[in-house]
Every structure is written in C-alpha cells, then in structure tokens.
N, C-alpha and C. Protein backbone atom coordinates (compact mmCIF):
# COMPACT_ATOMS: atom_id res chain seq x y z
N UNK A 1 -17.90 -21.42 -45.65
CA UNK A 1 -17.22 -21.04 -44.43
C UNK A 1 -15.72 -21.35 -44.60
N UNK A 2 -14.88 -20.40 -44.24
CA UNK A 2 -13.44 -20.60 -44.38
C UNK A 2 -12.90 -21.51 -43.27
N UNK A 3 -11.70 -22.03 -43.48
CA UNK A 3 -11.06 -22.85 -42.44
C UNK A 3 -10.87 -22.06 -41.16
N UNK A 4 -10.48 -20.77 -41.29
CA UNK A 4 -10.26 -19.96 -40.10
C UNK A 4 -11.56 -19.73 -39.33
N UNK A 5 -12.66 -19.52 -40.03
CA UNK A 5 -13.94 -19.37 -39.34
C UNK A 5 -14.32 -20.67 -38.63
N UNK A 6 -14.10 -21.80 -39.28
CA UNK A 6 -14.39 -23.09 -38.66
C UNK A 6 -13.55 -23.28 -37.40
N UNK A 7 -12.28 -22.89 -37.45
CA UNK A 7 -11.41 -23.00 -36.28
C UNK A 7 -11.95 -22.19 -35.11
N UNK A 8 -12.39 -20.97 -35.38
CA UNK A 8 -12.92 -20.10 -34.33
C UNK A 8 -14.24 -20.64 -33.79
N UNK A 9 -15.13 -21.07 -34.65
CA UNK A 9 -16.40 -21.63 -34.19
C UNK A 9 -16.15 -22.89 -33.34
N UNK A 10 -15.18 -23.69 -33.73
CA UNK A 10 -14.82 -24.88 -32.94
C UNK A 10 -14.29 -24.46 -31.57
N UNK A 11 -13.53 -23.38 -31.50
CA UNK A 11 -13.00 -22.90 -30.22
C UNK A 11 -14.14 -22.49 -29.28
N UNK A 12 -15.15 -21.81 -29.81
CA UNK A 12 -16.30 -21.45 -28.97
C UNK A 12 -17.00 -22.71 -28.43
N UNK A 13 -17.16 -23.70 -29.28
CA UNK A 13 -17.80 -24.96 -28.86
C UNK A 13 -16.98 -25.63 -27.77
N UNK A 14 -15.66 -25.65 -27.94
CA UNK A 14 -14.76 -26.24 -26.94
C UNK A 14 -14.92 -25.52 -25.60
N UNK A 15 -14.99 -24.18 -25.64
CA UNK A 15 -15.15 -23.40 -24.41
C UNK A 15 -16.48 -23.72 -23.74
N UNK A 16 -17.54 -23.82 -24.52
CA UNK A 16 -18.86 -24.13 -23.93
C UNK A 16 -18.89 -25.54 -23.37
N UNK A 17 -18.16 -26.46 -24.00
CA UNK A 17 -18.09 -27.85 -23.51
C UNK A 17 -17.13 -27.99 -22.33
N UNK A 18 -16.39 -26.94 -22.02
CA UNK A 18 -15.41 -26.91 -20.93
C UNK A 18 -14.34 -27.99 -21.09
N UNK A 19 -13.88 -28.19 -22.30
CA UNK A 19 -12.77 -29.11 -22.57
C UNK A 19 -11.49 -28.28 -22.59
N UNK A 20 -10.92 -28.08 -21.41
CA UNK A 20 -9.79 -27.16 -21.30
C UNK A 20 -8.51 -27.69 -21.94
N UNK A 21 -8.34 -28.99 -22.04
CA UNK A 21 -7.19 -29.53 -22.77
C UNK A 21 -7.31 -29.17 -24.24
N UNK A 22 -8.50 -29.33 -24.81
CA UNK A 22 -8.72 -28.98 -26.21
C UNK A 22 -8.64 -27.46 -26.41
N UNK A 23 -9.09 -26.69 -25.41
CA UNK A 23 -9.00 -25.23 -25.48
C UNK A 23 -7.53 -24.81 -25.62
N UNK A 24 -6.69 -25.30 -24.74
CA UNK A 24 -5.27 -24.95 -24.79
C UNK A 24 -4.63 -25.45 -26.10
N UNK A 25 -5.05 -26.62 -26.57
CA UNK A 25 -4.50 -27.20 -27.80
C UNK A 25 -4.93 -26.41 -29.04
N UNK A 26 -5.99 -25.60 -28.94
CA UNK A 26 -6.45 -24.80 -30.07
C UNK A 26 -5.53 -23.61 -30.34
N UNK A 27 -4.60 -23.35 -29.42
CA UNK A 27 -3.69 -22.21 -29.53
C UNK A 27 -2.30 -22.66 -30.00
N UNK A 28 -1.59 -21.75 -30.63
CA UNK A 28 -0.19 -22.00 -30.95
C UNK A 28 0.59 -22.06 -29.64
N UNK A 29 1.82 -22.61 -29.64
CA UNK A 29 2.58 -22.70 -28.39
C UNK A 29 2.78 -21.36 -27.68
N UNK A 30 2.85 -20.27 -28.44
CA UNK A 30 3.02 -18.94 -27.83
C UNK A 30 1.73 -18.12 -27.91
N UNK A 31 0.61 -18.80 -28.13
CA UNK A 31 -0.67 -18.12 -28.25
C UNK A 31 -1.09 -17.42 -26.97
N UNK A 32 -1.87 -16.34 -27.13
CA UNK A 32 -2.33 -15.56 -25.98
C UNK A 32 -3.83 -15.34 -26.03
N UNK A 33 -4.40 -15.14 -24.85
CA UNK A 33 -5.81 -14.80 -24.67
C UNK A 33 -5.82 -13.58 -23.75
N UNK A 34 -6.33 -12.45 -24.25
CA UNK A 34 -6.39 -11.22 -23.47
C UNK A 34 -7.84 -10.81 -23.27
N UNK A 35 -8.22 -10.60 -22.01
CA UNK A 35 -9.52 -10.01 -21.69
C UNK A 35 -9.27 -8.51 -21.59
N UNK A 36 -9.64 -7.80 -22.64
CA UNK A 36 -9.35 -6.37 -22.72
C UNK A 36 -10.14 -5.54 -21.70
N UNK A 37 -11.24 -6.07 -21.18
CA UNK A 37 -12.02 -5.32 -20.20
C UNK A 37 -11.30 -5.20 -18.86
N UNK A 38 -10.38 -6.13 -18.60
CA UNK A 38 -9.62 -6.08 -17.34
C UNK A 38 -8.12 -5.97 -17.58
N UNK A 39 -7.70 -6.02 -18.84
CA UNK A 39 -6.29 -5.83 -19.17
C UNK A 39 -5.38 -6.97 -18.72
N UNK A 40 -5.89 -8.21 -18.76
CA UNK A 40 -5.09 -9.36 -18.34
C UNK A 40 -4.90 -10.29 -19.53
N UNK A 41 -3.67 -10.80 -19.68
CA UNK A 41 -3.33 -11.73 -20.76
C UNK A 41 -2.86 -13.05 -20.17
N UNK A 42 -3.37 -14.14 -20.75
CA UNK A 42 -2.96 -15.49 -20.36
C UNK A 42 -2.21 -16.12 -21.53
N UNK A 43 -1.21 -16.94 -21.20
CA UNK A 43 -0.39 -17.57 -22.23
C UNK A 43 0.03 -18.95 -21.75
N UNK A 44 0.01 -19.91 -22.67
CA UNK A 44 0.46 -21.26 -22.33
C UNK A 44 -0.66 -22.12 -21.82
N UNK A 45 -0.46 -23.45 -21.88
CA UNK A 45 -1.54 -24.40 -21.56
C UNK A 45 -2.08 -24.30 -20.14
N UNK A 46 -1.27 -23.87 -19.18
CA UNK A 46 -1.78 -23.75 -17.80
C UNK A 46 -2.58 -22.48 -17.60
N UNK A 47 -2.22 -21.40 -18.31
CA UNK A 47 -2.90 -20.12 -18.12
C UNK A 47 -4.12 -19.93 -19.02
N UNK A 48 -4.08 -20.45 -20.24
CA UNK A 48 -5.15 -20.18 -21.21
C UNK A 48 -6.55 -20.54 -20.70
N UNK A 49 -6.72 -21.60 -19.91
CA UNK A 49 -8.07 -21.93 -19.42
C UNK A 49 -8.58 -21.04 -18.29
N UNK A 50 -7.73 -20.23 -17.67
CA UNK A 50 -8.09 -19.52 -16.43
C UNK A 50 -9.38 -18.72 -16.57
N UNK A 51 -9.50 -17.86 -17.58
CA UNK A 51 -10.67 -16.99 -17.67
C UNK A 51 -11.92 -17.76 -18.13
N UNK A 52 -11.74 -18.77 -18.97
CA UNK A 52 -12.89 -19.59 -19.37
C UNK A 52 -13.45 -20.30 -18.13
N UNK A 53 -12.57 -20.85 -17.31
CA UNK A 53 -13.00 -21.53 -16.08
C UNK A 53 -13.62 -20.54 -15.10
N UNK A 54 -13.06 -19.34 -15.00
CA UNK A 54 -13.59 -18.30 -14.12
C UNK A 54 -15.04 -17.96 -14.49
N UNK A 55 -15.29 -17.73 -15.77
CA UNK A 55 -16.64 -17.40 -16.21
C UNK A 55 -17.58 -18.59 -16.07
N UNK A 56 -17.08 -19.80 -16.25
CA UNK A 56 -17.93 -20.98 -16.09
C UNK A 56 -18.33 -21.16 -14.62
N UNK A 57 -17.41 -20.90 -13.69
CA UNK A 57 -17.75 -20.97 -12.26
C UNK A 57 -18.82 -19.94 -11.91
N UNK A 58 -18.64 -18.73 -12.45
CA UNK A 58 -19.56 -17.64 -12.14
C UNK A 58 -20.90 -17.79 -12.86
N UNK A 59 -20.85 -18.31 -14.08
CA UNK A 59 -22.04 -18.46 -14.92
C UNK A 59 -22.10 -19.90 -15.43
N UNK A 60 -22.59 -20.85 -14.62
CA UNK A 60 -22.57 -22.25 -15.03
C UNK A 60 -23.37 -22.53 -16.30
N UNK A 61 -24.31 -21.64 -16.63
CA UNK A 61 -25.09 -21.80 -17.86
C UNK A 61 -24.56 -20.90 -18.99
N UNK A 62 -23.29 -20.52 -18.89
CA UNK A 62 -22.66 -19.60 -19.84
C UNK A 62 -22.89 -20.03 -21.29
N UNK A 63 -23.34 -19.07 -22.10
CA UNK A 63 -23.52 -19.30 -23.53
C UNK A 63 -22.97 -18.10 -24.29
N UNK A 64 -22.34 -18.37 -25.40
CA UNK A 64 -21.83 -17.33 -26.28
C UNK A 64 -22.69 -17.35 -27.55
N UNK A 65 -23.54 -16.35 -27.69
CA UNK A 65 -24.43 -16.27 -28.85
C UNK A 65 -23.71 -15.48 -29.95
N UNK A 66 -23.33 -16.18 -31.01
CA UNK A 66 -22.60 -15.56 -32.10
C UNK A 66 -23.59 -14.89 -33.06
N UNK A 67 -23.35 -13.61 -33.35
CA UNK A 67 -24.23 -12.87 -34.25
C UNK A 67 -23.63 -12.71 -35.64
N UNK A 68 -22.41 -12.23 -35.70
CA UNK A 68 -21.76 -12.02 -37.00
C UNK A 68 -20.30 -12.44 -36.90
N UNK A 69 -19.82 -13.02 -38.01
CA UNK A 69 -18.43 -13.44 -38.10
C UNK A 69 -17.85 -12.81 -39.37
N UNK A 70 -16.73 -12.13 -39.21
CA UNK A 70 -16.05 -11.48 -40.33
C UNK A 70 -14.67 -12.10 -40.46
N UNK A 71 -14.29 -12.46 -41.68
CA UNK A 71 -12.99 -13.09 -41.91
C UNK A 71 -12.23 -12.27 -42.94
N UNK A 72 -10.99 -11.97 -42.61
CA UNK A 72 -10.08 -11.30 -43.54
C UNK A 72 -8.72 -11.97 -43.40
N UNK A 73 -8.45 -12.93 -44.28
CA UNK A 73 -7.20 -13.67 -44.21
C UNK A 73 -7.11 -14.45 -42.91
N UNK A 74 -6.07 -14.16 -42.12
CA UNK A 74 -5.86 -14.88 -40.86
C UNK A 74 -6.50 -14.19 -39.66
N UNK A 75 -7.34 -13.18 -39.91
CA UNK A 75 -8.03 -12.46 -38.84
C UNK A 75 -9.52 -12.80 -38.89
N UNK A 76 -10.06 -13.17 -37.72
CA UNK A 76 -11.50 -13.44 -37.61
C UNK A 76 -12.03 -12.56 -36.49
N UNK A 77 -13.09 -11.79 -36.80
CA UNK A 77 -13.73 -10.91 -35.83
C UNK A 77 -15.16 -11.42 -35.63
N UNK A 78 -15.56 -11.54 -34.36
CA UNK A 78 -16.88 -12.08 -34.03
C UNK A 78 -17.63 -11.09 -33.15
N UNK A 79 -18.85 -10.75 -33.58
CA UNK A 79 -19.77 -9.99 -32.73
C UNK A 79 -20.65 -11.02 -32.05
N UNK A 80 -20.75 -10.92 -30.73
CA UNK A 80 -21.48 -11.92 -29.97
C UNK A 80 -22.05 -11.32 -28.70
N UNK A 81 -22.79 -12.15 -27.98
CA UNK A 81 -23.28 -11.78 -26.65
C UNK A 81 -22.83 -12.86 -25.68
N UNK A 82 -22.44 -12.44 -24.49
CA UNK A 82 -22.14 -13.35 -23.39
C UNK A 82 -23.40 -13.44 -22.55
N UNK A 83 -23.92 -14.66 -22.40
CA UNK A 83 -25.19 -14.84 -21.71
C UNK A 83 -25.05 -15.88 -20.61
N UNK A 84 -25.67 -15.61 -19.48
CA UNK A 84 -25.65 -16.57 -18.38
C UNK A 84 -26.23 -15.98 -17.12
N UNK A 85 -26.36 -16.83 -16.11
CA UNK A 85 -26.90 -16.43 -14.81
C UNK A 85 -25.77 -16.48 -13.79
N UNK A 86 -25.59 -15.40 -13.06
CA UNK A 86 -24.48 -15.26 -12.11
C UNK A 86 -24.78 -16.04 -10.83
N UNK A 87 -24.35 -17.30 -10.82
CA UNK A 87 -24.65 -18.19 -9.70
C UNK A 87 -23.42 -18.57 -8.88
N UNK A 88 -22.24 -18.13 -9.30
CA UNK A 88 -21.01 -18.46 -8.58
C UNK A 88 -20.10 -17.26 -8.48
N UNK A 89 -19.00 -17.38 -7.74
CA UNK A 89 -18.08 -16.25 -7.57
C UNK A 89 -17.40 -15.90 -8.88
N UNK A 90 -17.28 -14.60 -9.15
CA UNK A 90 -16.58 -14.10 -10.34
C UNK A 90 -15.30 -13.41 -9.89
N UNK A 91 -14.17 -13.97 -10.29
CA UNK A 91 -12.89 -13.39 -9.93
C UNK A 91 -12.64 -12.17 -10.81
N UNK A 92 -12.38 -11.04 -10.17
CA UNK A 92 -12.03 -9.80 -10.86
C UNK A 92 -10.62 -9.40 -10.41
N UNK A 93 -9.96 -8.53 -11.13
CA UNK A 93 -8.59 -8.17 -10.75
C UNK A 93 -8.43 -7.67 -9.32
N UNK A 94 -9.48 -7.01 -8.79
CA UNK A 94 -9.38 -6.43 -7.44
C UNK A 94 -10.16 -7.19 -6.39
N UNK A 95 -10.59 -8.42 -6.69
CA UNK A 95 -11.33 -9.19 -5.71
C UNK A 95 -12.35 -10.09 -6.36
N UNK A 96 -13.25 -10.61 -5.54
CA UNK A 96 -14.24 -11.56 -6.00
C UNK A 96 -15.64 -10.97 -5.85
N UNK A 97 -16.42 -11.08 -6.92
CA UNK A 97 -17.81 -10.64 -6.89
C UNK A 97 -18.67 -11.84 -6.54
N UNK A 98 -19.32 -11.83 -5.38
CA UNK A 98 -20.16 -12.97 -5.01
C UNK A 98 -21.36 -13.07 -5.95
N UNK A 99 -21.98 -14.24 -6.04
CA UNK A 99 -23.12 -14.43 -6.93
C UNK A 99 -24.25 -13.46 -6.63
N UNK A 100 -24.82 -12.92 -7.70
CA UNK A 100 -25.96 -12.00 -7.55
C UNK A 100 -27.27 -12.66 -7.95
N UNK A 101 -27.19 -13.76 -8.69
CA UNK A 101 -28.40 -14.41 -9.20
C UNK A 101 -28.97 -13.72 -10.43
N UNK A 102 -28.35 -12.62 -10.85
CA UNK A 102 -28.85 -11.87 -12.00
C UNK A 102 -28.38 -12.50 -13.31
N UNK A 103 -29.16 -12.23 -14.34
CA UNK A 103 -28.81 -12.70 -15.68
C UNK A 103 -27.96 -11.66 -16.40
N UNK A 104 -27.07 -12.18 -17.25
CA UNK A 104 -26.22 -11.33 -18.07
C UNK A 104 -26.51 -11.65 -19.53
N UNK A 105 -26.63 -10.60 -20.32
CA UNK A 105 -26.73 -10.72 -21.79
C UNK A 105 -26.00 -9.51 -22.33
N UNK A 106 -24.68 -9.63 -22.40
CA UNK A 106 -23.83 -8.47 -22.67
C UNK A 106 -23.13 -8.58 -24.02
N UNK A 107 -23.04 -7.46 -24.73
CA UNK A 107 -22.34 -7.49 -26.00
C UNK A 107 -20.84 -7.71 -25.82
N UNK A 108 -20.25 -8.32 -26.84
CA UNK A 108 -18.83 -8.61 -26.82
C UNK A 108 -18.33 -8.63 -28.26
N UNK A 109 -17.07 -8.33 -28.44
CA UNK A 109 -16.43 -8.45 -29.74
C UNK A 109 -15.11 -9.18 -29.52
N UNK A 110 -14.90 -10.24 -30.27
CA UNK A 110 -13.68 -11.03 -30.15
C UNK A 110 -12.88 -10.92 -31.45
N UNK A 111 -11.58 -10.76 -31.31
CA UNK A 111 -10.69 -10.69 -32.46
C UNK A 111 -9.67 -11.80 -32.34
N UNK A 112 -9.61 -12.65 -33.35
CA UNK A 112 -8.69 -13.78 -33.38
C UNK A 112 -7.68 -13.58 -34.50
N UNK A 113 -6.44 -13.91 -34.21
CA UNK A 113 -5.40 -14.00 -35.23
C UNK A 113 -4.97 -15.46 -35.27
N UNK A 114 -5.04 -16.07 -36.45
CA UNK A 114 -4.73 -17.49 -36.58
C UNK A 114 -3.45 -17.71 -37.38
N UNK A 115 -2.76 -18.78 -37.02
CA UNK A 115 -1.56 -19.21 -37.72
C UNK A 115 -1.64 -20.71 -37.92
N UNK A 116 -1.64 -21.14 -39.16
CA UNK A 116 -1.67 -22.57 -39.49
C UNK A 116 -2.78 -23.32 -38.75
N UNK A 117 -3.99 -22.75 -38.73
CA UNK A 117 -5.13 -23.43 -38.13
C UNK A 117 -5.20 -23.38 -36.62
N UNK A 118 -4.34 -22.58 -35.99
CA UNK A 118 -4.35 -22.45 -34.52
C UNK A 118 -4.50 -20.97 -34.16
N UNK A 119 -5.01 -20.74 -32.97
CA UNK A 119 -5.18 -19.37 -32.48
C UNK A 119 -3.83 -18.88 -31.96
N UNK A 120 -3.34 -17.81 -32.56
CA UNK A 120 -2.09 -17.20 -32.10
C UNK A 120 -2.38 -16.08 -31.11
N UNK A 121 -3.50 -15.39 -31.34
CA UNK A 121 -3.88 -14.28 -30.47
C UNK A 121 -5.40 -14.19 -30.42
N UNK A 122 -5.91 -14.08 -29.22
CA UNK A 122 -7.35 -13.93 -29.00
C UNK A 122 -7.53 -12.73 -28.08
N UNK A 123 -8.09 -11.65 -28.63
CA UNK A 123 -8.38 -10.45 -27.85
C UNK A 123 -9.89 -10.37 -27.68
N UNK A 124 -10.33 -10.45 -26.44
CA UNK A 124 -11.75 -10.45 -26.10
C UNK A 124 -12.12 -9.09 -25.52
N UNK A 125 -13.16 -8.47 -26.09
CA UNK A 125 -13.62 -7.16 -25.66
C UNK A 125 -15.04 -7.24 -25.11
N UNK A 126 -15.22 -7.87 -23.93
CA UNK A 126 -16.56 -7.90 -23.34
C UNK A 126 -16.91 -6.51 -22.81
N UNK A 127 -18.17 -6.16 -22.89
CA UNK A 127 -18.61 -4.86 -22.42
C UNK A 127 -18.78 -4.90 -20.90
N UNK A 128 -17.68 -4.61 -20.20
CA UNK A 128 -17.63 -4.72 -18.74
C UNK A 128 -18.66 -3.89 -18.02
N UNK A 129 -18.90 -2.65 -18.50
CA UNK A 129 -19.87 -1.80 -17.80
C UNK A 129 -21.29 -2.37 -17.93
N UNK A 130 -21.61 -2.98 -19.07
CA UNK A 130 -22.93 -3.61 -19.24
C UNK A 130 -23.04 -4.82 -18.32
N UNK A 131 -21.98 -5.64 -18.29
CA UNK A 131 -21.98 -6.83 -17.43
C UNK A 131 -22.20 -6.41 -15.97
N UNK A 132 -21.43 -5.46 -15.50
CA UNK A 132 -21.55 -5.04 -14.10
C UNK A 132 -22.89 -4.39 -13.79
N UNK A 133 -23.45 -3.67 -14.75
CA UNK A 133 -24.79 -3.08 -14.56
C UNK A 133 -25.83 -4.19 -14.47
N UNK A 134 -25.76 -5.17 -15.39
CA UNK A 134 -26.74 -6.25 -15.37
C UNK A 134 -26.63 -7.11 -14.11
N UNK A 135 -25.43 -7.21 -13.57
CA UNK A 135 -25.26 -7.98 -12.33
C UNK A 135 -25.65 -7.17 -11.10
N UNK A 136 -25.95 -5.88 -11.29
CA UNK A 136 -26.40 -5.03 -10.20
C UNK A 136 -25.28 -4.34 -9.46
N UNK A 137 -24.06 -4.47 -9.95
CA UNK A 137 -22.91 -3.88 -9.25
C UNK A 137 -22.87 -2.38 -9.46
N UNK A 138 -23.03 -1.91 -10.68
CA UNK A 138 -22.93 -0.48 -10.95
C UNK A 138 -24.10 0.26 -10.33
N UNK A 139 -25.31 -0.30 -10.39
CA UNK A 139 -26.46 0.33 -9.74
C UNK A 139 -26.25 0.48 -8.26
N UNK A 140 -25.70 -0.56 -7.60
CA UNK A 140 -25.43 -0.50 -6.16
C UNK A 140 -24.33 0.50 -5.87
N UNK A 141 -23.31 0.55 -6.71
CA UNK A 141 -22.21 1.49 -6.52
C UNK A 141 -22.70 2.93 -6.66
N UNK A 142 -23.52 3.17 -7.68
CA UNK A 142 -24.07 4.51 -7.89
C UNK A 142 -24.91 4.94 -6.68
N UNK A 143 -25.75 4.04 -6.18
CA UNK A 143 -26.58 4.37 -5.01
C UNK A 143 -25.70 4.66 -3.79
N UNK A 144 -24.64 3.90 -3.61
CA UNK A 144 -23.73 4.12 -2.47
C UNK A 144 -23.03 5.47 -2.60
N UNK A 145 -22.64 5.83 -3.81
CA UNK A 145 -21.95 7.09 -4.03
C UNK A 145 -22.88 8.30 -3.83
N UNK A 146 -24.15 8.10 -4.09
CA UNK A 146 -25.12 9.19 -3.95
C UNK A 146 -25.48 9.48 -2.49
N UNK A 147 -25.18 8.53 -1.61
CA UNK A 147 -25.52 8.73 -0.19
C UNK A 147 -24.62 9.71 0.49
C-alpha cells in the first residue's frame, strides 16, 4: 500500500470516528472538499467538517464501504458505497430533508489529490439520484408530479 493510499484510508477512518480536528488537519492549508452532487466546496478548518457533520447528523450509523482504490502518483481514486439509515435532518442546498427512516446504500466515487502527505483536493461524487430514490424522495416527487 502506498503512502498516499494510507493517507486516504486514514481520512475515511477519521471521518467515521467524527474527529473533525483531525479531519481538517488531514488537508493542506488551502485544501478543498467538494460535494459534486450539489456543487458546493468547503475550504479551511472551519468549513471542511461541514458536510461530514451534515451526513453524520442525517445518518448517525454512516459507513463508507471501500471497494476499490486506485493510485497514480499523487492522485487516489476510490470506488465506495455510502451506507446508513436516515434518522436525522439532511441539509441540502435548497432546504432540509427531514428523516425518512430509510436505509441508504449508494454508490460513490471519490478523487483525492495529495501534496506532501496531505489532502489538497477532495472531489466527492455521491450518486445523488440513487440517494434520493432510496430515501423515498424521488418516488414521492414522481407520484406528486403524476397527479
């Protein structure tokens, strides 16, 4: 396992342990975290924990199941699934999705760019339409539109 892969695997563990000081410290001073499904980027120690905390509130049993890790120099790409039960509010760009009680097991692809053992850029590509379907949002929306 390369040093860069170890750094990324450690970052996932930190996120699951909800150690937000260590999460922010895993990034370079100008490091960014972008959730590509909603087009929002966080930067700096105060902002970097925002989305991890948001998903933890919404899915207190949140787990990231890593399937494949690809390393090419300072780039690490991870195929994974986001898994959890929607028991708390999920903040979305246009409002808050109240808890549905439904389980999520959604595909995701994460791309990390590392510099000197720290995350410089983290682009997260969660499959938003799968997440919303599993939470029952898209099914309810489709039914409402058909009326």
